[in-house]
Amino acid sequence: LQLEARVAELEAMKKTTTPWQILSKEIENELDKVIEKH
């Protein structure tokens, strides 16, 4: 039970994203449409 609780806690931390991480992915997606070379 303790290990399952800890795993759930770590999973929740893993899914937490910052506003910049979301914006960063949006930038990458938009650049994929404009620039071919990685």
All heavy atoms as atom14 arrays in JSON, in Angstrom:
{
  "sequence": "LQLEARVAELEAMKKTTTPWQILSKEIENELDKVIEKH",
  "atom14_mask": [
    [1, 1, 1, 1, 1, 1, 1, 1, 0, 0, 0, 0, 0, 0],
    [1, 1, 1, 1, 1, 1, 1, 1, 1, 0, 0, 0, 0, 0],
    [1, 1, 1, 1, 1, 1, 1, 1, 0, 0, 0, 0, 0, 0],
    [1, 1, 1, 1, 1, 1, 1, 1, 1, 0, 0, 0, 0, 0],
    [1, 1, 1, 1, 1, 0, 0, 0, 0, 0, 0, 0, 0, 0],
    [1, 1, 1, 1, 1, 1, 1, 1, 1, 1, 1, 0, 0, 0],
    [1, 1, 1, 1, 1, 1, 1, 0, 0, 0, 0, 0, 0, 0],
    [1, 1, 1, 1, 1, 0, 0, 0, 0, 0, 0, 0, 0, 0],
    [1, 1, 1, 1, 1, 1, 1, 1, 1, 0, 0, 0, 0, 0],
    [1, 1, 1, 1, 1, 1, 1, 1, 0, 0, 0, 0, 0, 0],
    [1, 1, 1, 1, 1, 1, 1, 1, 1, 0, 0, 0, 0, 0],
    [1, 1, 1, 1, 1, 0, 0, 0, 0, 0, 0, 0, 0, 0],
    [1, 1, 1, 1, 1, 1, 1, 1, 0, 0, 0, 0, 0, 0],
    [1, 1, 1, 1, 1, 1, 1, 1, 1, 0, 0, 0, 0, 0],
    [1, 1, 1, 1, 1, 1, 1, 1, 1, 0, 0, 0, 0, 0],
    [1, 1, 1, 1, 1, 1, 1, 0, 0, 0, 0, 0, 0, 0],
    [1, 1, 1, 1, 1, 1, 1, 0, 0, 0, 0, 0, 0, 0],
    [1, 1, 1, 1, 1, 1, 1, 0, 0, 0, 0, 0, 0, 0],
    [1, 1, 1, 1, 1, 1, 1, 0, 0, 0, 0, 0, 0, 0],
    [1, 1, 1, 1, 1, 1, 1, 1, 1, 1, 1, 1, 1, 1],
    [1, 1, 1, 1, 1, 1, 1, 1, 1, 0, 0, 0, 0, 0],
    [1, 1, 1, 1, 1, 1, 1, 1, 0, 0, 0, 0, 0, 0],
    [1, 1, 1, 1, 1, 1, 1, 1, 0, 0, 0, 0, 0, 0],
    [1, 1, 1, 1, 1, 1, 0, 0, 0, 0, 0, 0, 0, 0],
    [1, 1, 1, 1, 1, 1, 1, 1, 1, 0, 0, 0, 0, 0],
    [1, 1, 1, 1, 1, 1, 1, 1, 1, 0, 0, 0, 0, 0],
    [1, 1, 1, 1, 1, 1, 1, 1, 0, 0, 0, 0, 0, 0],
    [1, 1, 1, 1, 1, 1, 1, 1, 1, 0, 0, 0, 0, 0],
    [1, 1, 1, 1, 1, 1, 1, 1, 0, 0, 0, 0, 0, 0],
    [1, 1, 1, 1, 1, 1, 1, 1, 1, 0, 0, 0, 0, 0],
    [1, 1, 1, 1, 1, 1, 1, 1, 0, 0, 0, 0, 0, 0],
    [1, 1, 1, 1, 1, 1, 1, 1, 0, 0, 0, 0, 0, 0],
    [1, 1, 1, 1, 1, 1, 1, 1, 1, 0, 0, 0, 0, 0],
    [1, 1, 1, 1, 1, 1, 1, 0, 0, 0, 0, 0, 0, 0],
    [1, 1, 1, 1, 1, 1, 1, 1, 0, 0, 0, 0, 0, 0],
    [1, 1, 1, 1, 1, 1, 1, 1, 1, 0, 0, 0, 0, 0],
    [1, 1, 1, 1, 1, 1, 1, 1, 1, 0, 0, 0, 0, 0],
    [1, 1, 1, 1, 1, 1, 1, 1, 1, 1, 0, 0, 0, 0]
  ],
  "atom14_positions": [
    [[0.83, -1.21, 0.0], [0.0, 0.0, 0.0], [0.86, 1.26, 0.0], [0.57, 2.23, -0.7], [-0.95, 0.0, 1.2], [-2.1, -1.01, 1.14], [-2.87, -1.02, 2.46], [-3.02, -0.69, -0.02], [0.0, 0.0, 0.0], [0.0, 0.0, 0.0], [0.0, 0.0, 0.0], [0.0, 0.0, 0.0], [0.0, 0.0, 0.0], [0.0, 0.0, 0.0]],
    [[1.94, 1.25, 0.79], [2.83, 2.41, 0.83], [3.52, 2.61, -0.52], [3.65, 3.74, -1.0], [3.89, 2.23, 1.93], [3.36, 2.41, 3.32], [4.43, 2.19, 4.37], [5.54, 1.74, 4.08], [4.1, 2.53, 5.62], [0.0, 0.0, 0.0], [0.0, 0.0, 0.0], [0.0, 0.0, 0.0], [0.0, 0.0, 0.0], [0.0, 0.0, 0.0]],
    [[3.97, 1.52, -1.12], [4.63, 1.62, -2.42], [3.66, 2.11, -3.5], [4.02, 2.92, -4.35], [5.24, 0.28, -2.82], [6.47, -0.14, -2.02], [6.86, -1.57, -2.37], [7.63, 0.81, -2.28], [0.0, 0.0, 0.0], [0.0, 0.0, 0.0], [0.0, 0.0, 0.0], [0.0, 0.0, 0.0], [0.0, 0.0, 0.0], [0.0, 0.0, 0.0]],
    [[2.44, 1.61, -3.48], [1.44, 2.07, -4.46], [1.14, 3.55, -4.28], [0.99, 4.27, -5.26], [0.16, 1.24, -4.32], [0.3, -0.17, -4.87], [-0.93, -1.03, -4.62], [-1.78, -0.65, -3.78], [-1.02, -2.08, -5.27], [0.0, 0.0, 0.0], [0.0, 0.0, 0.0], [0.0, 0.0, 0.0], [0.0, 0.0, 0.0], [0.0, 0.0, 0.0]],
    [[1.07, 4.0, -3.04], [0.84, 5.42, -2.79], [2.01, 6.25, -3.31], [1.81, 7.32, -3.9], [0.64, 5.67, -1.29], [0.0, 0.0, 0.0], [0.0, 0.0, 0.0], [0.0, 0.0, 0.0], [0.0, 0.0, 0.0], [0.0, 0.0, 0.0], [0.0, 0.0, 0.0], [0.0, 0.0, 0.0], [0.0, 0.0, 0.0], [0.0, 0.0, 0.0]],
    [[3.22, 5.76, -3.11], [4.41, 6.48, -3.58], [4.45, 6.53, -5.11], [4.78, 7.55, -5.71], [5.68, 5.83, -3.03], [6.95, 6.49, -3.44], [7.07, 7.88, -2.89], [8.35, 8.45, -3.27], [8.56, 9.72, -3.46], [7.61, 10.59, -3.25], [9.74, 10.15, -3.83], [0.0, 0.0, 0.0], [0.0, 0.0, 0.0], [0.0, 0.0, 0.0]],
    [[4.1, 5.42, -5.75], [4.06, 5.38, -7.21], [3.03, 6.38, -7.73], [3.29, 7.11, -8.69], [3.77, 3.95, -7.71], [3.41, 3.94, -9.2], [4.96, 3.04, -7.46], [0.0, 0.0, 0.0], [0.0, 0.0, 0.0], [0.0, 0.0, 0.0], [0.0, 0.0, 0.0], [0.0, 0.0, 0.0], [0.0, 0.0, 0.0], [0.0, 0.0, 0.0]],
    [[1.87, 6.42, -7.11], [0.83, 7.37, -7.53], [1.32, 8.81, -7.38], [1.07, 9.66, -8.23], [-0.44, 7.15, -6.71], [0.0, 0.0, 0.0], [0.0, 0.0, 0.0], [0.0, 0.0, 0.0], [0.0, 0.0, 0.0], [0.0, 0.0, 0.0], [0.0, 0.0, 0.0], [0.0, 0.0, 0.0], [0.0, 0.0, 0.0], [0.0, 0.0, 0.0]],
    [[2.03, 9.07, -6.29], [2.59, 10.41, -6.05], [3.61, 10.77, -7.13], [3.6, 11.88, -7.67], [3.25, 10.43, -4.67], [3.86, 11.74, -4.27], [4.55, 11.64, -2.91], [4.01, 10.98, -2.01], [5.65, 12.23, -2.77], [0.0, 0.0, 0.0], [0.0, 0.0, 0.0], [0.0, 0.0, 0.0], [0.0, 0.0, 0.0], [0.0, 0.0, 0.0]],
    [[4.48, 9.83, -7.47], [5.5, 10.08, -8.5], [4.86, 10.25, -9.87], [5.3, 11.09, -10.66], [6.52, 8.95, -8.52], [7.44, 8.87, -7.3], [8.28, 7.6, -7.35], [8.33, 10.1, -7.22], [0.0, 0.0, 0.0], [0.0, 0.0, 0.0], [0.0, 0.0, 0.0], [0.0, 0.0, 0.0], [0.0, 0.0, 0.0], [0.0, 0.0, 0.0]],
    [[3.83, 9.49, -10.17], [3.12, 9.63, -11.44], [2.48, 11.02, -11.55], [2.5, 11.64, -12.6], [2.05, 8.55, -11.59], [2.6, 7.19, -11.93], [3.2, 7.12, -13.31], [2.7, 7.78, -14.23], [4.2, 6.39, -13.47], [0.0, 0.0, 0.0], [0.0, 0.0, 0.0], [0.0, 0.0, 0.0], [0.0, 0.0, 0.0], [0.0, 0.0, 0.0]],
    [[1.92, 11.49, -10.45], [1.3, 12.82, -10.45], [2.36, 13.89, -10.69], [2.12, 14.86, -11.42], [0.58, 13.07, -9.13], [0.0, 0.0, 0.0], [0.0, 0.0, 0.0], [0.0, 0.0, 0.0], [0.0, 0.0, 0.0], [0.0, 0.0, 0.0], [0.0, 0.0, 0.0], [0.0, 0.0, 0.0], [0.0, 0.0, 0.0], [0.0, 0.0, 0.0]],
    [[3.52, 13.73, -10.1], [4.61, 14.7, -10.31], [5.07, 14.67, -11.75], [5.39, 15.71, -12.33], [5.79, 14.38, -9.38], [5.52, 14.66, -7.93], [6.83, 14.06, -6.84], [8.27, 14.87, -7.49], [0.0, 0.0, 0.0], [0.0, 0.0, 0.0], [0.0, 0.0, 0.0], [0.0, 0.0, 0.0], [0.0, 0.0, 0.0], [0.0, 0.0, 0.0]],
    [[5.11, 13.5, -12.35], [5.58, 13.34, -13.72], [4.64, 14.05, -14.69], [5.08, 14.61, -15.68], [5.65, 11.85, -14.03], [6.1, 11.5, -15.41], [6.16, 9.99, -15.53], [6.09, 9.56, -16.96], [6.01, 8.12, -17.09], [0.0, 0.0, 0.0], [0.0, 0.0, 0.0], [0.0, 0.0, 0.0], [0.0, 0.0, 0.0], [0.0, 0.0, 0.0]],
    [[3.35, 14.04, -14.41], [2.36, 14.63, -15.31], [2.24, 16.13, -15.15], [1.62, 16.79, -15.96], [1.01, 13.96, -15.09], [1.0, 12.52, -15.53], [-0.32, 11.88, -15.29], [-0.25, 10.41, -15.7], [-1.47, 9.69, -15.37], [0.0, 0.0, 0.0], [0.0, 0.0, 0.0], [0.0, 0.0, 0.0], [0.0, 0.0, 0.0], [0.0, 0.0, 0.0]],
    [[2.81, 16.69, -14.1], [2.75, 18.12, -13.87], [3.63, 18.81, -14.91], [4.8, 18.51, -15.05], [3.23, 18.48, -12.45], [2.45, 17.76, -11.51], [3.13, 19.96, -12.2], [0.0, 0.0, 0.0], [0.0, 0.0, 0.0], [0.0, 0.0, 0.0], [0.0, 0.0, 0.0], [0.0, 0.0, 0.0], [0.0, 0.0, 0.0], [0.0, 0.0, 0.0]],
    [[3.04, 19.73, -15.64], [3.81, 20.47, -16.64], [3.75, 21.95, -16.33], [2.8, 22.44, -15.74], [3.24, 20.23, -18.05], [1.87, 20.6, -18.07], [3.38, 18.78, -18.47], [0.0, 0.0, 0.0], [0.0, 0.0, 0.0], [0.0, 0.0, 0.0], [0.0, 0.0, 0.0], [0.0, 0.0, 0.0], [0.0, 0.0, 0.0], [0.0, 0.0, 0.0]],
    [[4.78, 22.64, -16.74], [4.82, 24.08, -16.56], [4.22, 24.75, -17.8], [4.15, 24.13, -18.86], [6.27, 24.56, -16.37], [6.99, 24.33, -17.59], [6.95, 23.85, -15.22], [0.0, 0.0, 0.0], [0.0, 0.0, 0.0], [0.0, 0.0, 0.0], [0.0, 0.0, 0.0], [0.0, 0.0, 0.0], [0.0, 0.0, 0.0], [0.0, 0.0, 0.0]],
    [[3.81, 25.99, -17.66], [3.3, 26.71, -18.84], [4.32, 26.74, -19.98], [3.95, 26.64, -21.15], [3.01, 28.11, -18.3], [2.78, 27.92, -16.85], [3.68, 26.78, -16.44], [0.0, 0.0, 0.0], [0.0, 0.0, 0.0], [0.0, 0.0, 0.0], [0.0, 0.0, 0.0], [0.0, 0.0, 0.0], [0.0, 0.0, 0.0], [0.0, 0.0, 0.0]],
    [[5.61, 26.84, -19.63], [6.62, 26.88, -20.67], [6.7, 25.56, -21.43], [6.86, 25.54, -22.64], [8.01, 27.22, -20.13], [9.03, 27.03, -21.19], [9.94, 26.03, -21.29], [9.2, 27.82, -22.38], [10.67, 26.14, -22.44], [10.23, 27.23, -23.13], [8.58, 28.95, -22.87], [10.66, 27.76, -24.34], [9.01, 29.47, -24.08], [10.04, 28.88, -24.8]],
    [[6.57, 24.43, -20.74], [6.64, 23.14, -21.42], [5.53, 23.01, -22.45], [5.77, 22.48, -23.55], [6.57, 22.0, -20.4], [7.82, 21.88, -19.56], [7.67, 20.9, -18.42], [6.62, 20.84, -17.79], [8.72, 20.15, -18.14], [0.0, 0.0, 0.0], [0.0, 0.0, 0.0], [0.0, 0.0, 0.0], [0.0, 0.0, 0.0], [0.0, 0.0, 0.0]],
    [[4.36, 23.5, -22.13], [3.25, 23.47, -23.08], [3.55, 24.37, -24.27], [3.39, 23.98, -25.43], [1.94, 23.9, -22.38], [1.58, 22.87, -21.3], [0.81, 24.07, -23.39], [0.5, 23.34, -20.35], [0.0, 0.0, 0.0], [0.0, 0.0, 0.0], [0.0, 0.0, 0.0], [0.0, 0.0, 0.0], [0.0, 0.0, 0.0], [0.0, 0.0, 0.0]],
    [[4.02, 25.59, -23.99], [4.34, 26.53, -25.06], [5.5, 26.01, -25.91], [5.49, 26.16, -27.13], [4.7, 27.9, -24.46], [4.96, 29.02, -25.45], [3.74, 29.26, -26.35], [5.32, 30.3, -24.71], [0.0, 0.0, 0.0], [0.0, 0.0, 0.0], [0.0, 0.0, 0.0], [0.0, 0.0, 0.0], [0.0, 0.0, 0.0], [0.0, 0.0, 0.0]],
    [[6.45, 25.37, -25.29], [7.6, 24.82, -26.0], [7.15, 23.78, -27.03], [7.64, 23.77, -28.18], [8.58, 24.2, -25.01], [9.65, 23.6, -25.67], [0.0, 0.0, 0.0], [0.0, 0.0, 0.0], [0.0, 0.0, 0.0], [0.0, 0.0, 0.0], [0.0, 0.0, 0.0], [0.0, 0.0, 0.0], [0.0, 0.0, 0.0], [0.0, 0.0, 0.0]],
    [[6.22, 22.93, -26.65], [5.7, 21.92, -27.59], [4.96, 22.6, -28.74], [5.06, 22.16, -29.88], [4.76, 20.95, -26.86], [5.47, 19.98, -25.97], [6.28, 19.01, -26.79], [6.94, 18.0, -25.88], [7.94, 17.21, -26.58], [0.0, 0.0, 0.0], [0.0, 0.0, 0.0], [0.0, 0.0, 0.0], [0.0, 0.0, 0.0], [0.0, 0.0, 0.0]],
    [[4.23, 23.67, -28.44], [3.52, 24.4, -29.48], [4.51, 25.01, -30.48], [4.28, 25.0, -31.69], [2.63, 25.48, -28.88], [1.45, 24.94, -28.12], [0.64, 26.02, -27.41], [0.86, 27.21, -27.66], [-0.22, 25.63, -26.59], [0.0, 0.0, 0.0], [0.0, 0.0, 0.0], [0.0, 0.0, 0.0], [0.0, 0.0, 0.0], [0.0, 0.0, 0.0]],
    [[5.6, 25.56, -29.95], [6.64, 26.13, -30.83], [7.19, 25.05, -31.74], [7.33, 25.25, -32.96], [7.78, 26.78, -30.0], [7.26, 28.0, -29.25], [8.95, 27.15, -30.9], [8.25, 28.55, -28.23], [0.0, 0.0, 0.0], [0.0, 0.0, 0.0], [0.0, 0.0, 0.0], [0.0, 0.0, 0.0], [0.0, 0.0, 0.0], [0.0, 0.0, 0.0]],
    [[7.5, 23.89, -31.18], [8.04, 22.79, -31.99], [7.05, 22.38, -33.08], [7.46, 22.16, -34.23], [8.35, 21.59, -31.1], [9.56, 21.79, -30.22], [9.78, 20.62, -29.27], [9.21, 19.53, -29.49], [10.53, 20.8, -28.29], [0.0, 0.0, 0.0], [0.0, 0.0, 0.0], [0.0, 0.0, 0.0], [0.0, 0.0, 0.0], [0.0, 0.0, 0.0]],
    [[5.77, 22.28, -32.73], [4.76, 21.88, -33.72], [4.66, 22.9, -34.84], [4.52, 22.53, -36.01], [3.4, 21.69, -33.04], [3.38, 20.5, -32.12], [4.19, 19.59, -32.24], [2.46, 20.51, -31.18], [0.0, 0.0, 0.0], [0.0, 0.0, 0.0], [0.0, 0.0, 0.0], [0.0, 0.0, 0.0], [0.0, 0.0, 0.0], [0.0, 0.0, 0.0]],
    [[4.7, 24.18, -34.49], [4.62, 25.23, -35.52], [5.87, 25.25, -36.39], [5.78, 25.44, -37.61], [4.39, 26.6, -34.88], [3.02, 26.75, -34.25], [1.87, 26.58, -35.24], [1.96, 27.14, -36.35], [0.92, 25.88, -34.9], [0.0, 0.0, 0.0], [0.0, 0.0, 0.0], [0.0, 0.0, 0.0], [0.0, 0.0, 0.0], [0.0, 0.0, 0.0]],
    [[7.01, 25.05, -35.78], [8.25, 25.04, -36.57], [8.31, 23.83, -37.5], [8.89, 23.91, -38.58], [9.47, 25.07, -35.65], [9.75, 26.41, -34.97], [10.9, 26.28, -34.0], [10.04, 27.5, -35.99], [0.0, 0.0, 0.0], [0.0, 0.0, 0.0], [0.0, 0.0, 0.0], [0.0, 0.0, 0.0], [0.0, 0.0, 0.0], [0.0, 0.0, 0.0]],
    [[7.7, 22.73, -37.1], [7.65, 21.55, -37.97], [6.95, 21.86, -39.28], [7.29, 21.3, -40.32], [6.92, 20.39, -37.27], [7.77, 19.7, -36.23], [9.0, 19.84, -36.27], [7.19, 19.01, -35.36], [0.0, 0.0, 0.0], [0.0, 0.0, 0.0], [0.0, 0.0, 0.0], [0.0, 0.0, 0.0], [0.0, 0.0, 0.0], [0.0, 0.0, 0.0]],
    [[5.99, 22.77, -39.24], [5.24, 23.14, -40.45], [6.04, 24.06, -41.36], [5.75, 24.16, -42.55], [3.94, 23.84, -40.06], [3.0, 22.98, -39.25], [1.81, 23.81, -38.78], [0.95, 23.05, -37.79], [-0.12, 23.89, -37.23], [0.0, 0.0, 0.0], [0.0, 0.0, 0.0], [0.0, 0.0, 0.0], [0.0, 0.0, 0.0], [0.0, 0.0, 0.0]],
    [[7.05, 24.75, -40.8], [7.75, 25.8, -41.55], [9.15, 25.37, -41.99], [9.59, 25.71, -43.08], [7.84, 27.08, -40.67], [8.62, 28.17, -41.37], [6.45, 27.56, -40.3], [0.0, 0.0, 0.0], [0.0, 0.0, 0.0], [0.0, 0.0, 0.0], [0.0, 0.0, 0.0], [0.0, 0.0, 0.0], [0.0, 0.0, 0.0], [0.0, 0.0, 0.0]],
    [[9.84, 24.64, -41.15], [11.24, 24.3, -41.41], [11.39, 22.78, -41.48], [10.92, 22.06, -40.61], [12.15, 24.88, -40.29], [12.0, 26.4, -40.24], [13.6, 24.5, -40.54], [12.71, 27.05, -39.09], [0.0, 0.0, 0.0], [0.0, 0.0, 0.0], [0.0, 0.0, 0.0], [0.0, 0.0, 0.0], [0.0, 0.0, 0.0], [0.0, 0.0, 0.0]],
    [[12.07, 22.33, -42.52], [12.22, 20.9, -42.74], [13.38, 20.29, -41.95], [13.25, 19.23, -41.37], [12.43, 20.6, -44.24], [11.3, 21.06, -45.14], [11.38, 22.55, -45.49], [12.49, 23.14, -45.45], [10.32, 23.12, -45.8], [0.0, 0.0, 0.0], [0.0, 0.0, 0.0], [0.0, 0.0, 0.0], [0.0, 0.0, 0.0], [0.0, 0.0, 0.0]],
    [[14.52, 20.95, -41.95], [15.73, 20.38, -41.34], [15.68, 20.49, -39.82], [15.41, 21.55, -39.27], [16.97, 21.09, -41.86], [17.22, 20.86, -43.34], [18.49, 21.55, -43.77], [18.75, 21.35, -45.24], [19.95, 22.08, -45.66], [0.0, 0.0, 0.0], [0.0, 0.0, 0.0], [0.0, 0.0, 0.0], [0.0, 0.0, 0.0], [0.0, 0.0, 0.0]],
    [[15.98, 19.36, -39.16], [15.92, 19.3, -37.7], [16.87, 20.31, -37.05], [16.49, 21.0, -36.1], [16.25, 17.88, -37.22], [16.29, 17.76, -35.74], [15.15, 17.76, -34.97], [17.33, 17.66, -34.87], [15.48, 17.66, -33.69], [16.79, 17.59, -33.61], [0.0, 0.0, 0.0], [0.0, 0.0, 0.0], [0.0, 0.0, 0.0], [0.0, 0.0, 0.0]]
  ]
}
